[in-house]
C-alpha atoms as a PDB file:
ATOM      1  CA  UNK A   1      25.471 -24.081   9.339  1.00  0.00           C
ATOM      2  CA  UNK A   2      23.461 -20.585   8.723  1.00  0.00           C
ATOM      3  CA  UNK A   3      26.613 -18.836   9.586  1.00  0.00           C
ATOM      4  CA  UNK A   4      28.628 -20.944   7.128  1.00  0.00           C
ATOM      5  CA  UNK A   5      25.918 -20.157   4.599  1.00  0.00           C
ATOM      6  CA  UNK A   6      25.712 -16.216   5.345  1.00  0.00           C
ATOM      7  CA  UNK A   7      29.616 -16.165   5.073  1.00  0.00           C
ATOM      8  CA  UNK A   8      30.224 -18.406   1.745  1.00  0.00           C
ATOM      9  CA  UNK A   9      27.229 -16.101   0.832  1.00  0.00           C
ATOM     10  CA  UNK A  10      28.967 -12.724   1.326  1.00  0.00           C
ATOM     11  CA  UNK A  11      32.798 -13.910  -0.047  1.00  0.00           C
ATOM     12  CA  UNK A  12      30.783 -15.168  -3.831  1.00  0.00           C
ATOM     13  CA  UNK A  13      28.529 -11.907  -3.654  1.00  0.00           C
ATOM     14  CA  UNK A  14      26.044 -14.576  -3.915  1.00  0.00           C
ATOM     15  CA  UNK A  15      24.799 -12.433  -0.506  1.00  0.00           C
ATOM     16  CA  UNK A  16      21.651 -10.691  -2.607  1.00  0.00           C
ATOM     17  CA  UNK A  17      20.085 -14.213  -3.916  1.00  0.00           C
ATOM     18  CA  UNK A  18      20.641 -15.408  -0.220  1.00  0.00           C
ATOM     19  CA  UNK A  19      18.715 -13.013   0.784  1.00  0.00           C
ATOM     20  CA  UNK A  20      15.971 -12.515  -1.290  1.00  0.00           C
ATOM     21  CA  UNK A  21      15.624 -16.729  -0.866  1.00  0.00           C
ATOM     22  CA  UNK A  22      15.868 -15.927   2.917  1.00  0.00           C
ATOM     23  CA  UNK A  23      12.782 -13.304   2.780  1.00  0.00           C
ATOM     24  CA  UNK A  24      10.616 -15.624   0.505  1.00  0.00           C
ATOM     25  CA  UNK A  25      10.786 -18.100   3.080  1.00  0.00           C
ATOM     26  CA  UNK A  26       9.757 -15.639   5.902  1.00  0.00           C
ATOM     27  CA  UNK A  27       6.607 -13.570   4.032  1.00  0.00           C
ATOM     28  CA  UNK A  28       5.930 -16.478   1.366  1.00  0.00           C
ATOM     29  CA  UNK A  29       5.735 -15.985  -2.467  1.00  0.00           C
ATOM     30  CA  UNK A  30       2.470 -14.203  -2.442  1.00  0.00           C
ATOM     31  CA  UNK A  31       3.669 -11.532   0.051  1.00  0.00           C
ATOM     32  CA  UNK A  32       7.170 -11.163  -1.688  1.00  0.00           C
ATOM     33  CA  UNK A  33       5.833 -10.147  -4.937  1.00  0.00           C
ATOM     34  CA  UNK A  34       3.815  -8.114  -3.659  1.00  0.00           C
ATOM     35  CA  UNK A  35       6.360  -6.239  -1.891  1.00  0.00           C
ATOM     36  CA  UNK A  36       8.548  -6.518  -5.342  1.00  0.00           C
ATOM     37  CA  UNK A  37       5.690  -4.621  -6.909  1.00  0.00           C
ATOM     38  CA  UNK A  38       5.376  -1.799  -4.328  1.00  0.00           C
ATOM     39  CA  UNK A  39       9.481  -1.502  -4.076  1.00  0.00           C
ATOM     40  CA  UNK A  40       9.310  -0.943  -7.955  1.00  0.00           C
ATOM     41  CA  UNK A  41       6.031   1.653  -7.844  1.00  0.00           C
ATOM     42  CA  UNK A  42       8.479   3.531  -5.755  1.00  0.00           C
ATOM     43  CA  UNK A  43      10.873   3.901  -8.253  1.00  0.00           C
ATOM     44  CA  UNK A  44      11.359   7.707  -9.497  1.00  0.00           C
ATOM     45  CA  UNK A  45      10.457   7.127 -12.566  1.00  0.00           C
ATOM     46  CA  UNK A  46       7.139   4.899 -11.682  1.00  0.00           C
ATOM     47  CA  UNK A  47       6.039   7.460  -9.333  1.00  0.00           C
ATOM     48  CA  UNK A  48       6.106  10.806 -12.108  1.00  0.00           C
ATOM     49  CA  UNK A  49       3.891   8.285 -14.137  1.00  0.00           C
ATOM     50  CA  UNK A  50       1.699   7.336 -10.944  1.00  0.00           C
ATOM     51  CA  UNK A  51       1.425  10.746 -10.041  1.00  0.00           C
ATOM     52  CA  UNK A  52       0.136  11.894 -13.595  1.00  0.00           C
ATOM     53  CA  UNK A  53      -2.528   8.912 -13.102  1.00  0.00           C
ATOM     54  CA  UNK A  54      -3.502   9.177  -9.663  1.00  0.00           C
ATOM     55  CA  UNK A  55      -4.135  13.411 -10.093  1.00  0.00           C
ATOM     56  CA  UNK A  56      -6.725  12.781 -12.850  1.00  0.00           C
ATOM     57  CA  UNK A  57      -7.954  10.076 -10.822  1.00  0.00           C
ATOM     58  CA  UNK A  58      -8.359  12.173  -7.838  1.00  0.00           C
ATOM     59  CA  UNK A  59      -9.998  15.185  -9.787  1.00  0.00           C
ATOM     60  CA  UNK A  60     -12.304  12.730 -11.269  1.00  0.00           C
ATOM     61  CA  UNK A  61     -13.239  11.736  -7.729  1.00  0.00           C
ATOM     62  CA  UNK A  62     -13.629  15.345  -6.624  1.00  0.00           C
ATOM     63  CA  UNK A  63     -15.354  16.858  -9.773  1.00  0.00           C
ATOM     64  CA  UNK A  64     -18.276  14.111  -9.518  1.00  0.00           C
ATOM     65  CA  UNK A  65     -18.445  14.975  -5.365  1.00  0.00           C
ATOM     66  CA  UNK A  66     -18.449  18.808  -5.378  1.00  0.00           C
ATOM     67  CA  UNK A  67     -21.431  18.694  -3.487  1.00  0.00           C
ATOM     68  CA  UNK A  68     -19.949  16.265  -0.329  1.00  0.00           C
ATOM     69  CA  UNK A  69     -17.746  17.058   2.666  1.00  0.00           C
ATOM     70  CA  UNK A  70     -14.346  15.693   2.256  1.00  0.00           C
ATOM     71  CA  UNK A  71     -12.889  13.963   5.406  1.00  0.00           C
ATOM     72  CA  UNK A  72      -8.765  12.798   4.894  1.00  0.00           C
ATOM     73  CA  UNK A  73      -8.130  10.217   7.335  1.00  0.00           C
ATOM     74  CA  UNK A  74      -4.008  10.244   8.014  1.00  0.00           C
ATOM     75  CA  UNK A  75      -4.468   6.838   9.740  1.00  0.00           C
ATOM     76  CA  UNK A  76      -1.139   4.598  10.927  1.00  0.00           C
ATOM     77  CA  UNK A  77      -3.322   1.471  10.434  1.00  0.00           C
ATOM     78  CA  UNK A  78      -3.379  -0.329   6.505  1.00  0.00           C
ATOM     79  CA  UNK A  79      -6.420  -0.581   4.800  1.00  0.00           C
ATOM     80  CA  UNK A  80      -6.024  -4.145   4.230  1.00  0.00           C
ATOM     81  CA  UNK A  81      -4.693  -5.661   7.809  1.00  0.00           C
ATOM     82  CA  UNK A  82      -6.482  -9.181   8.317  1.00  0.00           C
ATOM     83  CA  UNK A  83      -8.670  -7.797  11.593  1.00  0.00           C
ATOM     84  CA  UNK A  84     -10.854  -4.386  10.773  1.00  0.00           C
ATOM     85  CA  UNK A  85      -9.423  -1.788  13.196  1.00  0.00           C
ATOM     86  CA  UNK A  86     -11.788   1.382  14.638  1.00  0.00           C
ATOM     87  CA  UNK A  87      -9.938   3.388  11.736  1.00  0.00           C
ATOM     88  CA  UNK A  88     -11.834   1.285   9.047  1.00  0.00           C
ATOM     89  CA  UNK A  89     -14.703   1.404  10.553  1.00  0.00           C
ATOM     90  CA  UNK A  90     -15.185   5.193  11.144  1.00  0.00           C
ATOM     91  CA  UNK A  91     -14.324   5.102   7.389  1.00  0.00           C
ATOM     92  CA  UNK A  92     -17.385   3.340   6.233  1.00  0.00           C
ATOM     93  CA  UNK A  93     -20.084   4.661   8.422  1.00  0.00           C
ATOM     94  CA  UNK A  94     -18.800   8.076   7.263  1.00  0.00           C
ATOM     95  CA  UNK A  95     -18.999   6.870   3.635  1.00  0.00           C
ATOM     96  CA  UNK A  96     -22.270   5.636   4.139  1.00  0.00           C
ATOM     97  CA  UNK A  97     -23.476   8.750   5.995  1.00  0.00           C
ATOM     98  CA  UNK A  98     -22.483  10.832   2.448  1.00  0.00           C
ATOM     99  CA  UNK A  99     -18.783  12.259   3.406  1.00  0.00           C
ATOM    100  CA  UNK A 100     -16.326  11.673   0.641  1.00  0.00           C
ATOM    101  CA  UNK A 101     -13.497   9.731   3.155  1.00  0.00           C
ATOM    102  CA  UNK A 102     -10.307   9.810   2.104  1.00  0.00           C
ATOM    103  CA  UNK A 103      -8.173   6.827   3.976  1.00  0.00           C
ATOM    104  CA  UNK A 104      -4.698   7.523   4.068  1.00  0.00           C
ATOM    105  CA  UNK A 105      -2.248   4.043   4.270  1.00  0.00           C
ATOM    106  CA  UNK A 106       1.081   4.039   5.530  1.00  0.00           C
ATOM    107  CA  UNK A 107       1.951   0.649   3.645  1.00  0.00           C
ATOM    108  CA  UNK A 108       3.554  -1.146   6.185  1.00  0.00           C
ATOM    109  CA  UNK A 109       1.417  -4.175   5.524  1.00  0.00           C
ATOM    110  CA  UNK A 110      -1.181  -4.083   2.070  1.00  0.00           C
ATOM    111  CA  UNK A 111       1.627  -2.174   0.185  1.00  0.00           C
ATOM    112  CA  UNK A 112      -1.534  -0.879  -1.639  1.00  0.00           C
ATOM    113  CA  UNK A 113      -0.510   2.141  -4.698  1.00  0.00           C
ATOM    114  CA  UNK A 114      -2.285   5.262  -5.524  1.00  0.00           C
ATOM    115  CA  UNK A 115      -5.613   6.242  -3.364  1.00  0.00           C
ATOM    116  CA  UNK A 116      -6.651   3.371  -1.505  1.00  0.00           C
ATOM    117  CA  UNK A 117      -9.116   5.716   0.065  1.00  0.00           C
ATOM    118  CA  UNK A 118     -10.949   5.739  -2.843  1.00  0.00           C
ATOM    119  CA  UNK A 119     -12.427   1.997  -1.793  1.00  0.00           C
ATOM    120  CA  UNK A 120     -14.166   3.873   0.976  1.00  0.00           C
ATOM    121  CA  UNK A 121     -15.165   6.122  -1.118  1.00  0.00           C
ATOM    122  CA  UNK A 122     -16.837   3.380  -3.428  1.00  0.00           C
ATOM    123  CA  UNK A 123     -18.898   1.930  -0.419  1.00  0.00           C
ATOM    124  CA  UNK A 124     -20.875   4.802  -0.192  1.00  0.00           C
END
């Protein structure tokens, strides 16, 4: 039955709505919207606008914390995963110790846009 529905969708050019429905069932509505907003946010016009805003925010953070040592973490684990791992714990503890800690995420799970590491900075 699935193969038949797929063939009908391809022949009638309804493959995109078919894939959307299939992915919403797989991911759930909340995660599907989060993924959609992430995909929109990485379009070229939005990236230009976002880069200007993000660069201004980064400059503000660096200006407020000129005297703090800076750490940039290139982690392979996203920040908002259900179970915190060692990189998140290290980031939180170093931020509490007075470091300006930037946590880079690859957006495999949480689809954060901008500078997600500011959350670590705010905890310190």
